[in-house]
Protein backbone atom coordinates (compact mmCIF):
# COMPACT_ATOMS: atom_id res chain seq x y z
CA MET A 1 -33.25 16.71 -14.84
CA ASP A 2 -31.80 18.23 -17.96
CA ILE A 3 -28.12 19.11 -18.05
CA SER A 4 -25.92 20.69 -20.66
CA LEU A 5 -22.36 19.55 -21.14
CA SER A 6 -19.60 21.42 -22.86
CA PRO A 7 -18.68 19.87 -26.21
CA GLY A 8 -15.40 18.60 -24.75
CA ASN A 9 -17.10 16.93 -21.79
CA GLU A 10 -19.74 15.39 -24.01
CA LYS A 11 -17.06 13.99 -26.32
CA PHE A 12 -15.14 12.62 -23.33
CA ILE A 13 -18.20 10.78 -22.00
CA LYS A 14 -19.13 9.42 -25.43
CA ASP A 15 -15.53 8.22 -25.91
CA GLN A 16 -15.65 6.49 -22.51
CA ILE A 17 -18.88 4.74 -23.48
CA ALA A 18 -17.46 3.75 -26.87
CA ALA A 19 -14.41 2.30 -25.13
CA GLY A 20 -16.66 0.18 -22.92
CA ILE A 21 -15.72 1.93 -19.69
CA TYR A 22 -19.33 2.93 -19.10
CA ASN A 23 -22.55 1.47 -20.48
CA SER A 24 -24.50 4.73 -20.68
CA ILE A 25 -24.33 8.46 -20.24
CA ASN A 26 -26.18 8.15 -16.93
CA GLU A 27 -23.66 5.63 -15.61
CA ALA A 28 -20.71 7.78 -16.70
CA ILE A 29 -22.09 10.92 -15.07
CA ASN A 30 -23.11 9.12 -11.85
CA GLU A 31 -19.66 7.52 -11.53
CA THR A 32 -17.98 10.86 -12.19
CA ILE A 33 -20.07 12.50 -9.48
CA LYS A 34 -19.15 9.69 -7.04
CA ILE A 35 -15.46 10.37 -7.74
CA ALA A 36 -15.94 14.11 -7.21
CA ILE A 37 -17.75 13.51 -3.93
CA SER A 38 -15.01 11.20 -2.67
CA HIS A 39 -12.42 13.88 -3.41
CA VAL A 40 -14.21 16.56 -1.41
CA SER A 41 -15.47 14.42 1.44
CA VAL A 42 -13.38 14.64 4.57
CA SER A 43 -14.20 12.44 7.53
CA SER A 44 -14.11 13.61 11.13
CA ASP A 45 -11.21 11.17 11.64
CA ASP A 46 -9.30 12.92 8.84
CA ILE A 47 -9.92 16.29 10.47
CA MET A 48 -8.84 15.03 13.90
CA SER A 49 -5.67 13.52 12.41
CA LEU A 50 -4.86 16.74 10.60
CA ARG A 51 -5.41 18.80 13.77
CA LYS A 52 -3.10 16.42 15.69
CA ASP A 53 -0.39 16.75 13.03
CA ILE A 54 -0.70 20.55 13.08
CA ALA A 55 -0.50 20.63 16.89
CA GLU A 56 2.62 18.46 16.82
CA GLY A 57 4.19 20.70 14.19
CA MET A 58 3.39 23.83 16.18
CA GLU A 59 4.95 22.26 19.29
CA ASP A 60 8.09 21.44 17.29
CA ILE A 61 8.28 25.08 16.17
CA ARG A 62 7.86 26.35 19.74
CA ALA A 63 10.56 23.93 20.96
CA GLY A 64 12.95 24.99 18.22
CA ARG A 65 12.90 21.60 16.48
CA VAL A 66 12.89 23.09 13.00
CA HIS A 67 15.32 23.26 10.10
CA ASP A 68 15.75 25.75 7.34
CA GLY A 69 14.59 23.96 4.21
CA LEU A 70 16.91 25.85 1.86
CA ASN A 71 19.95 25.13 4.00
CA PHE A 72 18.96 21.47 4.18
CA MET A 73 18.68 21.26 0.39
CA ASP A 74 22.07 22.98 0.00
CA GLU A 75 23.59 20.38 2.34
CA LEU A 76 22.05 17.51 0.35
CA ILE A 77 23.36 18.93 -2.92
CA ALA A 78 26.81 19.43 -1.41
CA GLU A 79 26.88 15.78 -0.26
CA ASP A 80 26.25 14.59 -3.82
CA GLU A 81 29.05 16.68 -5.31
């Protein structure tokens, strides 16, 4: 596979290799891709946890257990004065 890097990205990778962080261009690119994948991968447990948190928040809204964020901040600032 042939890839083309922008001059800035190429310099970054070469600098990383020169600093001893990576041993080769292939290693640097493969590690970078692993990092990118880990940032976009979401597990089914993460999704279930997020759905649970959203459901709890929606129930709090329906039950009136909410606060106005701006008023809350004003109160905190007033306490410090």
